[in-house]
Amino acid sequence: MQTSIPETLGFEKESAETKALYGMDQNHTDLAAQVDKPIAGLLKDLKRRGMLDDTLVVFGTEFGRSPGAQDSGRDHHPEGFCAWLAGGGIKGDVQHGATDALGFHAIENPHYITDIHATVMHQLGLDSHQLEIPRRKRLALDHGMPIMDIIA
């Protein structure tokens, strides 16, 4: 879809101003290429060295970006975001969760970032309830649960 939709919709015929309205001037192709190859290389290298089973790779964020532009850009959006984990006892080839067609709301297996934190700590053998951060109560207030469906 990513390669055929622009041609089908004729985006190349649109003015620079119209393309900017839709965020088409953010250079996603070049930016994605800057991370895609090194990430694939890291995972392949860890696997060939026999280290992937013992190494947890986490690629994520604490929030997504709003599906539509607001003022000068897209705002923080905690209702729909993605993260991926590999190795370290995480099942491979598993998609857990989905958003609506606009990417606005999680509609399947919704989780908050603290569930990802809890999953990482679980895989590291840590009990986040035992961790203390002086003068900070967030872990106690927003404690997540490990996402057991993605753990091998």
N, C-alpha and C. Protein backbone atom coordinates (compact mmCIF):
# COMPACT_ATOMS: atom_id res chain seq x y z
N MET A 1 0.81 -1.19 0.00
CA MET A 1 0.00 0.00 0.00
C MET A 1 0.86 1.27 0.00
N GLN A 2 1.96 1.24 0.76
CA GLN A 2 2.76 2.44 0.89
C GLN A 2 3.35 2.87 -0.45
N THR A 3 3.62 1.92 -1.31
CA THR A 3 4.21 2.28 -2.60
C THR A 3 3.16 2.54 -3.67
N SER A 4 1.99 1.92 -3.57
CA SER A 4 0.98 2.10 -4.62
C SER A 4 0.01 3.23 -4.34
N ILE A 5 -0.29 3.54 -3.10
CA ILE A 5 -1.27 4.59 -2.81
C ILE A 5 -0.83 5.97 -3.31
N PRO A 6 0.41 6.41 -3.07
CA PRO A 6 0.79 7.73 -3.60
C PRO A 6 0.57 7.85 -5.11
N GLU A 7 0.92 6.81 -5.85
CA GLU A 7 0.73 6.84 -7.31
C GLU A 7 -0.75 6.87 -7.65
N THR A 8 -1.54 6.07 -6.96
CA THR A 8 -2.97 6.00 -7.22
C THR A 8 -3.65 7.34 -6.93
N LEU A 9 -3.26 7.98 -5.86
CA LEU A 9 -3.88 9.25 -5.49
C LEU A 9 -3.28 10.45 -6.20
N GLY A 10 -2.19 10.26 -6.89
CA GLY A 10 -1.58 11.34 -7.66
C GLY A 10 -0.92 12.41 -6.80
N PHE A 11 -0.35 12.03 -5.68
CA PHE A 11 0.29 13.01 -4.79
C PHE A 11 1.41 13.78 -5.48
N GLU A 12 2.09 13.14 -6.43
CA GLU A 12 3.21 13.82 -7.09
C GLU A 12 2.75 15.03 -7.89
N LYS A 13 1.46 15.10 -8.21
CA LYS A 13 0.93 16.23 -8.98
C LYS A 13 0.54 17.41 -8.09
N GLU A 14 0.52 17.20 -6.78
CA GLU A 14 0.10 18.26 -5.86
C GLU A 14 1.20 19.29 -5.66
N SER A 15 0.78 20.49 -5.28
CA SER A 15 1.73 21.57 -5.03
C SER A 15 2.49 21.30 -3.72
N ALA A 16 3.62 21.98 -3.56
CA ALA A 16 4.41 21.85 -2.33
C ALA A 16 3.58 22.28 -1.13
N GLU A 17 2.75 23.31 -1.30
CA GLU A 17 1.90 23.79 -0.21
C GLU A 17 0.92 22.71 0.23
N THR A 18 0.28 22.06 -0.72
CA THR A 18 -0.67 20.99 -0.39
C THR A 18 0.04 19.81 0.25
N LYS A 19 1.18 19.44 -0.28
CA LYS A 19 1.95 18.34 0.31
C LYS A 19 2.32 18.66 1.75
N ALA A 20 2.68 19.90 2.04
CA ALA A 20 3.04 20.31 3.40
C ALA A 20 1.85 20.20 4.34
N LEU A 21 0.65 20.47 3.83
CA LEU A 21 -0.56 20.34 4.67
C LEU A 21 -0.72 18.92 5.21
N TYR A 22 -0.30 17.95 4.42
CA TYR A 22 -0.43 16.55 4.79
C TYR A 22 0.84 15.96 5.40
N GLY A 23 1.82 16.81 5.65
CA GLY A 23 3.06 16.34 6.26
C GLY A 23 3.95 15.56 5.32
N MET A 24 3.73 15.73 4.04
CA MET A 24 4.51 14.96 3.07
C MET A 24 5.91 15.53 2.85
N ASP A 25 6.23 16.63 3.54
CA ASP A 25 7.55 17.23 3.43
C ASP A 25 8.43 16.86 4.62
N GLN A 26 8.08 15.81 5.39
CA GLN A 26 8.85 15.41 6.57
C GLN A 26 9.93 14.40 6.26
N ASN A 27 10.09 14.01 5.01
CA ASN A 27 11.20 13.16 4.59
C ASN A 27 11.23 11.80 5.28
N HIS A 28 10.05 11.19 5.42
CA HIS A 28 9.95 9.91 6.13
C HIS A 28 10.80 8.81 5.49
N THR A 29 10.85 8.78 4.17
CA THR A 29 11.60 7.72 3.48
C THR A 29 13.06 7.75 3.88
N ASP A 30 13.68 8.91 3.82
CA ASP A 30 15.10 9.01 4.19
C ASP A 30 15.32 8.74 5.67
N LEU A 31 14.42 9.27 6.51
CA LEU A 31 14.57 9.08 7.95
C LEU A 31 14.38 7.61 8.33
N ALA A 32 13.40 6.95 7.72
CA ALA A 32 13.19 5.53 8.00
C ALA A 32 14.39 4.70 7.58
N ALA A 33 14.95 5.03 6.43
CA ALA A 33 16.13 4.30 5.94
C ALA A 33 17.31 4.45 6.90
N GLN A 34 17.40 5.58 7.57
CA GLN A 34 18.51 5.81 8.50
C GLN A 34 18.44 4.88 9.70
N VAL A 35 17.24 4.42 10.06
CA VAL A 35 17.13 3.52 11.21
C VAL A 35 16.84 2.08 10.81
N ASP A 36 16.15 1.86 9.69
CA ASP A 36 15.78 0.49 9.31
C ASP A 36 16.99 -0.42 9.12
N LYS A 37 17.96 0.01 8.35
CA LYS A 37 19.11 -0.84 8.06
C LYS A 37 19.94 -1.13 9.32
N PRO A 38 20.28 -0.13 10.12
CA PRO A 38 21.06 -0.43 11.33
C PRO A 38 20.30 -1.32 12.32
N ILE A 39 18.98 -1.14 12.42
CA ILE A 39 18.20 -1.99 13.34
C ILE A 39 18.21 -3.42 12.83
N ALA A 40 17.96 -3.61 11.54
CA ALA A 40 17.99 -4.96 10.97
C ALA A 40 19.38 -5.56 11.16
N GLY A 41 20.41 -4.75 10.97
CA GLY A 41 21.78 -5.23 11.17
C GLY A 41 22.04 -5.65 12.61
N LEU A 42 21.56 -4.85 13.56
CA LEU A 42 21.73 -5.19 14.98
C LEU A 42 21.07 -6.53 15.30
N LEU A 43 19.82 -6.70 14.88
CA LEU A 43 19.11 -7.94 15.18
C LEU A 43 19.78 -9.14 14.51
N LYS A 44 20.19 -8.99 13.26
CA LYS A 44 20.86 -10.08 12.54
C LYS A 44 22.20 -10.42 13.21
N ASP A 45 22.95 -9.39 13.60
CA ASP A 45 24.25 -9.61 14.24
C ASP A 45 24.09 -10.30 15.59
N LEU A 46 23.12 -9.85 16.39
CA LEU A 46 22.88 -10.50 17.68
C LEU A 46 22.49 -11.97 17.48
N LYS A 47 21.64 -12.23 16.48
CA LYS A 47 21.21 -13.60 16.23
C LYS A 47 22.36 -14.49 15.77
N ARG A 48 23.19 -14.00 14.83
CA ARG A 48 24.29 -14.83 14.32
C ARG A 48 25.36 -15.08 15.38
N ARG A 49 25.46 -14.19 16.34
CA ARG A 49 26.42 -14.38 17.43
C ARG A 49 25.84 -15.19 18.60
N GLY A 50 24.56 -15.58 18.44
CA GLY A 50 23.91 -16.36 19.50
C GLY A 50 23.56 -15.53 20.73
N MET A 51 23.43 -14.22 20.54
CA MET A 51 23.17 -13.34 21.68
C MET A 51 21.73 -12.82 21.75
N LEU A 52 20.92 -13.07 20.72
CA LEU A 52 19.58 -12.49 20.69
C LEU A 52 18.68 -13.05 21.78
N ASP A 53 18.83 -14.33 22.10
CA ASP A 53 17.99 -14.92 23.14
C ASP A 53 18.23 -14.27 24.50
N ASP A 54 19.44 -13.77 24.72
CA ASP A 54 19.79 -13.17 26.01
C ASP A 54 19.80 -11.65 25.99
N THR A 55 19.48 -11.05 24.86
CA THR A 55 19.49 -9.60 24.73
C THR A 55 18.09 -9.11 24.38
N LEU A 56 17.57 -8.21 25.17
CA LEU A 56 16.25 -7.63 24.91
C LEU A 56 16.45 -6.30 24.19
N VAL A 57 15.90 -6.20 22.99
CA VAL A 57 15.97 -4.98 22.20
C VAL A 57 14.59 -4.32 22.26
N VAL A 58 14.57 -3.07 22.68
CA VAL A 58 13.31 -2.33 22.82
C VAL A 58 13.36 -1.10 21.93
N PHE A 59 12.36 -0.95 21.09
CA PHE A 59 12.26 0.22 20.22
C PHE A 59 10.89 0.82 20.47
N GLY A 60 10.86 1.93 21.14
CA GLY A 60 9.55 2.50 21.48
C GLY A 60 9.64 3.92 21.96
N THR A 61 8.53 4.38 22.42
CA THR A 61 8.38 5.74 22.90
C THR A 61 7.29 5.75 23.96
N GLU A 62 7.15 6.84 24.65
CA GLU A 62 6.12 6.92 25.68
C GLU A 62 4.80 7.43 25.13
N PHE A 63 4.80 7.86 23.88
CA PHE A 63 3.57 8.33 23.26
C PHE A 63 3.76 8.32 21.76
N GLY A 64 2.64 8.34 21.06
CA GLY A 64 2.69 8.45 19.62
C GLY A 64 2.55 9.90 19.21
N ARG A 65 2.22 10.10 17.97
CA ARG A 65 1.95 11.44 17.46
C ARG A 65 0.50 11.46 16.98
N SER A 66 -0.17 12.58 17.21
CA SER A 66 -1.57 12.69 16.81
C SER A 66 -1.68 12.47 15.30
N PRO A 67 -2.77 11.82 14.86
CA PRO A 67 -2.92 11.52 13.44
C PRO A 67 -3.04 12.76 12.56
N GLY A 68 -3.51 13.86 13.10
CA GLY A 68 -3.68 15.06 12.29
C GLY A 68 -2.79 16.19 12.76
N ALA A 69 -2.55 17.12 11.88
CA ALA A 69 -1.71 18.27 12.22
C ALA A 69 -2.47 19.22 13.13
N GLN A 70 -1.74 19.82 14.05
CA GLN A 70 -2.28 20.82 14.95
C GLN A 70 -1.31 21.99 14.98
N ASP A 71 -1.76 23.15 14.58
CA ASP A 71 -0.91 24.34 14.50
C ASP A 71 0.31 24.05 13.64
N SER A 72 1.49 24.01 14.26
CA SER A 72 2.71 23.86 13.47
C SER A 72 3.19 22.42 13.35
N GLY A 73 2.40 21.47 13.81
CA GLY A 73 2.84 20.09 13.70
C GLY A 73 1.88 19.13 14.38
N ARG A 74 2.37 17.95 14.65
CA ARG A 74 1.55 16.92 15.29
C ARG A 74 1.87 16.90 16.78
N ASP A 75 0.84 16.74 17.58
CA ASP A 75 0.99 16.81 19.02
C ASP A 75 1.29 15.42 19.60
N HIS A 76 1.71 15.38 20.86
CA HIS A 76 1.87 14.11 21.57
C HIS A 76 0.52 13.42 21.61
N HIS A 77 0.55 12.09 21.57
CA HIS A 77 -0.71 11.35 21.50
C HIS A 77 -0.55 10.01 22.24
N PRO A 78 -1.01 9.94 23.50
CA PRO A 78 -0.86 8.70 24.26
C PRO A 78 -1.91 7.64 23.97
N GLU A 79 -2.89 7.94 23.12
CA GLU A 79 -3.99 7.00 22.87
C GLU A 79 -3.68 5.97 21.79
N GLY A 80 -2.64 6.17 21.03
CA GLY A 80 -2.27 5.23 19.98
C GLY A 80 -0.81 5.39 19.64
N PHE A 81 -0.01 4.41 20.01
CA PHE A 81 1.42 4.46 19.71
C PHE A 81 1.90 3.04 19.49
N CYS A 82 3.10 2.90 18.96
CA CYS A 82 3.62 1.56 18.78
C CYS A 82 5.00 1.44 19.40
N ALA A 83 5.33 0.25 19.72
CA ALA A 83 6.66 -0.10 20.22
C ALA A 83 6.89 -1.54 19.79
N TRP A 84 8.16 -1.91 19.67
CA TRP A 84 8.43 -3.32 19.40
C TRP A 84 9.57 -3.80 20.27
N LEU A 85 9.51 -5.07 20.58
CA LEU A 85 10.52 -5.73 21.39
C LEU A 85 10.99 -6.95 20.63
N ALA A 86 12.26 -7.27 20.76
CA ALA A 86 12.81 -8.45 20.09
C ALA A 86 13.83 -9.11 21.00
N GLY A 87 13.96 -10.43 20.85
CA GLY A 87 14.93 -11.18 21.64
C GLY A 87 14.53 -11.23 23.10
N GLY A 88 15.48 -11.61 23.94
CA GLY A 88 15.26 -11.58 25.39
C GLY A 88 14.02 -12.29 25.88
N GLY A 89 13.62 -13.35 25.21
CA GLY A 89 12.45 -14.11 25.66
C GLY A 89 11.12 -13.58 25.14
N ILE A 90 11.16 -12.70 24.16
CA ILE A 90 9.93 -12.19 23.53
C ILE A 90 9.63 -13.04 22.30
N LYS A 91 8.35 -13.39 22.12
CA LYS A 91 7.95 -14.16 20.95
C LYS A 91 8.26 -13.38 19.68
N GLY A 92 8.68 -14.08 18.65
CA GLY A 92 8.91 -13.46 17.35
C GLY A 92 7.66 -13.47 16.51
N ASP A 93 7.60 -12.59 15.53
CA ASP A 93 6.48 -12.53 14.58
C ASP A 93 5.12 -12.42 15.25
N VAL A 94 5.04 -11.62 16.30
CA VAL A 94 3.77 -11.42 17.01
C VAL A 94 3.39 -9.96 16.95
N GLN A 95 2.18 -9.71 16.51
CA GLN A 95 1.63 -8.35 16.60
C GLN A 95 0.59 -8.40 17.69
N HIS A 96 0.71 -7.53 18.66
CA HIS A 96 -0.21 -7.51 19.80
C HIS A 96 -0.83 -6.13 19.88
N GLY A 97 -2.06 -6.01 19.46
CA GLY A 97 -2.75 -4.74 19.51
C GLY A 97 -2.90 -4.09 18.16
N ALA A 98 -3.81 -3.14 18.12
CA ALA A 98 -4.08 -2.40 16.88
C ALA A 98 -4.79 -1.10 17.24
N THR A 99 -4.69 -0.14 16.34
CA THR A 99 -5.44 1.11 16.49
C THR A 99 -6.55 1.14 15.46
N ASP A 100 -7.41 2.14 15.60
CA ASP A 100 -8.43 2.34 14.58
C ASP A 100 -7.75 2.76 13.27
N ALA A 101 -8.53 2.91 12.22
CA ALA A 101 -7.96 3.19 10.90
C ALA A 101 -7.17 4.50 10.85
N LEU A 102 -7.50 5.44 11.71
CA LEU A 102 -6.79 6.71 11.74
C LEU A 102 -5.57 6.70 12.67
N GLY A 103 -5.42 5.65 13.45
CA GLY A 103 -4.33 5.61 14.42
C GLY A 103 -4.61 6.48 15.63
N PHE A 104 -5.88 6.75 15.88
CA PHE A 104 -6.23 7.66 16.97
C PHE A 104 -6.41 6.94 18.30
N HIS A 105 -7.11 5.81 18.29
CA HIS A 105 -7.36 5.07 19.54
C HIS A 105 -6.93 3.62 19.40
N ALA A 106 -6.39 3.08 20.47
CA ALA A 106 -6.12 1.65 20.52
C ALA A 106 -7.45 0.93 20.61
N ILE A 107 -7.65 -0.05 19.74
CA ILE A 107 -8.93 -0.77 19.74
C ILE A 107 -8.77 -2.26 20.01
N GLU A 108 -7.54 -2.75 19.98
CA GLU A 108 -7.29 -4.17 20.23
C GLU A 108 -6.12 -4.29 21.19
N ASN A 109 -6.32 -4.98 22.30
CA ASN A 109 -5.29 -5.17 23.32
C ASN A 109 -4.60 -3.85 23.70
N PRO A 110 -5.37 -2.87 24.17
CA PRO A 110 -4.74 -1.59 24.53
C PRO A 110 -3.84 -1.71 25.76
N HIS A 111 -2.74 -1.01 25.71
CA HIS A 111 -1.79 -0.96 26.83
C HIS A 111 -1.29 0.46 26.99
N TYR A 112 -0.86 0.76 28.18
CA TYR A 112 -0.22 2.03 28.45
C TYR A 112 1.29 1.77 28.51
N ILE A 113 2.09 2.81 28.43
CA ILE A 113 3.54 2.64 28.40
C ILE A 113 4.05 1.90 29.63
N THR A 114 3.35 2.03 30.75
CA THR A 114 3.82 1.34 31.95
C THR A 114 3.73 -0.18 31.80
N ASP A 115 2.87 -0.68 30.92
CA ASP A 115 2.83 -2.12 30.66
C ASP A 115 4.10 -2.55 29.91
N ILE A 116 4.59 -1.69 29.03
CA ILE A 116 5.84 -2.00 28.34
C ILE A 116 6.99 -1.96 29.34
N HIS A 117 6.99 -0.93 30.21
CA HIS A 117 8.02 -0.88 31.26
C HIS A 117 7.98 -2.15 32.11
N ALA A 118 6.78 -2.56 32.51
CA ALA A 118 6.64 -3.76 33.35
C ALA A 118 7.11 -5.00 32.61
N THR A 119 6.85 -5.07 31.30
CA THR A 119 7.29 -6.22 30.51
C THR A 119 8.81 -6.27 30.44
N VAL A 120 9.44 -5.13 30.19
CA VAL A 120 10.91 -5.07 30.15
C VAL A 120 11.49 -5.48 31.49
N MET A 121 10.96 -4.92 32.57
CA MET A 121 11.49 -5.26 33.90
C MET A 121 11.28 -6.74 34.22
N HIS A 122 10.12 -7.28 33.84
CA HIS A 122 9.85 -8.71 34.05
C HIS A 122 10.89 -9.56 33.34
N GLN A 123 11.19 -9.20 32.07
CA GLN A 123 12.17 -9.96 31.30
C GLN A 123 13.58 -9.81 31.85
N LEU A 124 13.84 -8.73 32.55
CA LEU A 124 15.15 -8.53 33.18
C LEU A 124 15.21 -9.14 34.58
N GLY A 125 14.08 -9.71 35.02
CA GLY A 125 14.04 -10.33 36.33
C GLY A 125 13.90 -9.33 37.47
N LEU A 126 13.39 -8.15 37.16
CA LEU A 126 13.23 -7.11 38.18
C LEU A 126 11.77 -6.96 38.58
N ASP A 127 11.53 -6.69 39.84
CA ASP A 127 10.20 -6.41 40.34
C ASP A 127 10.11 -4.90 40.52
N SER A 128 9.35 -4.26 39.67
CA SER A 128 9.29 -2.80 39.72
C SER A 128 8.69 -2.28 41.01
N HIS A 129 7.94 -3.12 41.72
CA HIS A 129 7.41 -2.69 43.01
C HIS A 129 8.53 -2.53 44.04
N GLN A 130 9.65 -3.17 43.78
CA GLN A 130 10.79 -3.08 44.71
C GLN A 130 11.72 -1.91 44.38
N LEU A 131 11.52 -1.30 43.24
CA LEU A 131 12.38 -0.19 42.86
C LEU A 131 11.90 1.10 43.52
N GLU A 132 12.83 1.90 43.95
CA GLU A 132 12.48 3.18 44.56
C GLU A 132 13.22 4.30 43.87
N ILE A 133 12.51 5.35 43.62
CA ILE A 133 13.12 6.57 43.09
C ILE A 133 12.82 7.65 44.13
N PRO A 134 13.84 8.19 44.76
CA PRO A 134 13.59 9.19 45.82
C PRO A 134 12.68 10.32 45.35
N ARG A 135 11.71 10.65 46.16
CA ARG A 135 10.76 11.75 45.93
C ARG A 135 9.89 11.55 44.69
N ARG A 136 9.81 10.33 44.18
CA ARG A 136 8.98 10.06 43.00
C ARG A 136 7.99 8.95 43.34
N LYS A 137 6.74 9.15 43.03
CA LYS A 137 5.71 8.16 43.34
C LYS A 137 5.12 7.52 42.07
N ARG A 138 5.62 7.90 40.91
CA ARG A 138 4.98 7.46 39.66
C ARG A 138 4.89 5.94 39.53
N LEU A 139 5.94 5.22 39.87
CA LEU A 139 5.88 3.77 39.74
C LEU A 139 4.75 3.19 40.57
N ALA A 140 4.54 3.73 41.75
CA ALA A 140 3.47 3.23 42.60
C ALA A 140 2.10 3.61 42.06
N LEU A 141 1.99 4.79 41.47
CA LEU A 141 0.71 5.27 40.98
C LEU A 141 0.32 4.67 39.63
N ASP A 142 1.29 4.53 38.74
CA ASP A 142 1.01 4.10 37.37
C ASP A 142 1.69 2.77 37.05
N HIS A 143 1.66 1.84 37.97
CA HIS A 143 2.36 0.59 37.77
C HIS A 143 1.64 -0.25 36.71
N GLY A 144 2.38 -0.72 35.73
CA GLY A 144 1.81 -1.55 34.67
C GLY A 144 1.93 -3.03 34.98
N MET A 145 1.42 -3.80 34.06
CA MET A 145 1.49 -5.27 34.15
C MET A 145 2.23 -5.79 32.94
N PRO A 146 3.08 -6.83 33.12
CA PRO A 146 3.78 -7.41 31.97
C PRO A 146 2.76 -7.89 30.93
N ILE A 147 3.09 -7.73 29.67
CA ILE A 147 2.23 -8.18 28.57
C ILE A 147 2.59 -9.64 28.29
N MET A 148 1.94 -10.53 28.99
CA MET A 148 2.29 -11.95 28.95
C MET A 148 2.08 -12.59 27.58
N ASP A 149 1.17 -12.06 26.78
CA ASP A 149 0.89 -12.64 25.46
C ASP A 149 2.07 -12.53 24.49
N ILE A 150 3.05 -11.66 24.77
CA ILE A 150 4.20 -11.53 23.87
C ILE A 150 5.43 -12.21 24.40
N ILE A 151 5.34 -12.75 25.60
CA ILE A 151 6.50 -13.41 26.23
C ILE A 151 6.52 -14.88 25.84
N ALA A 152 7.68 -15.34 25.36
CA ALA A 152 7.81 -16.73 24.90
C ALA A 152 7.72 -17.71 26.07
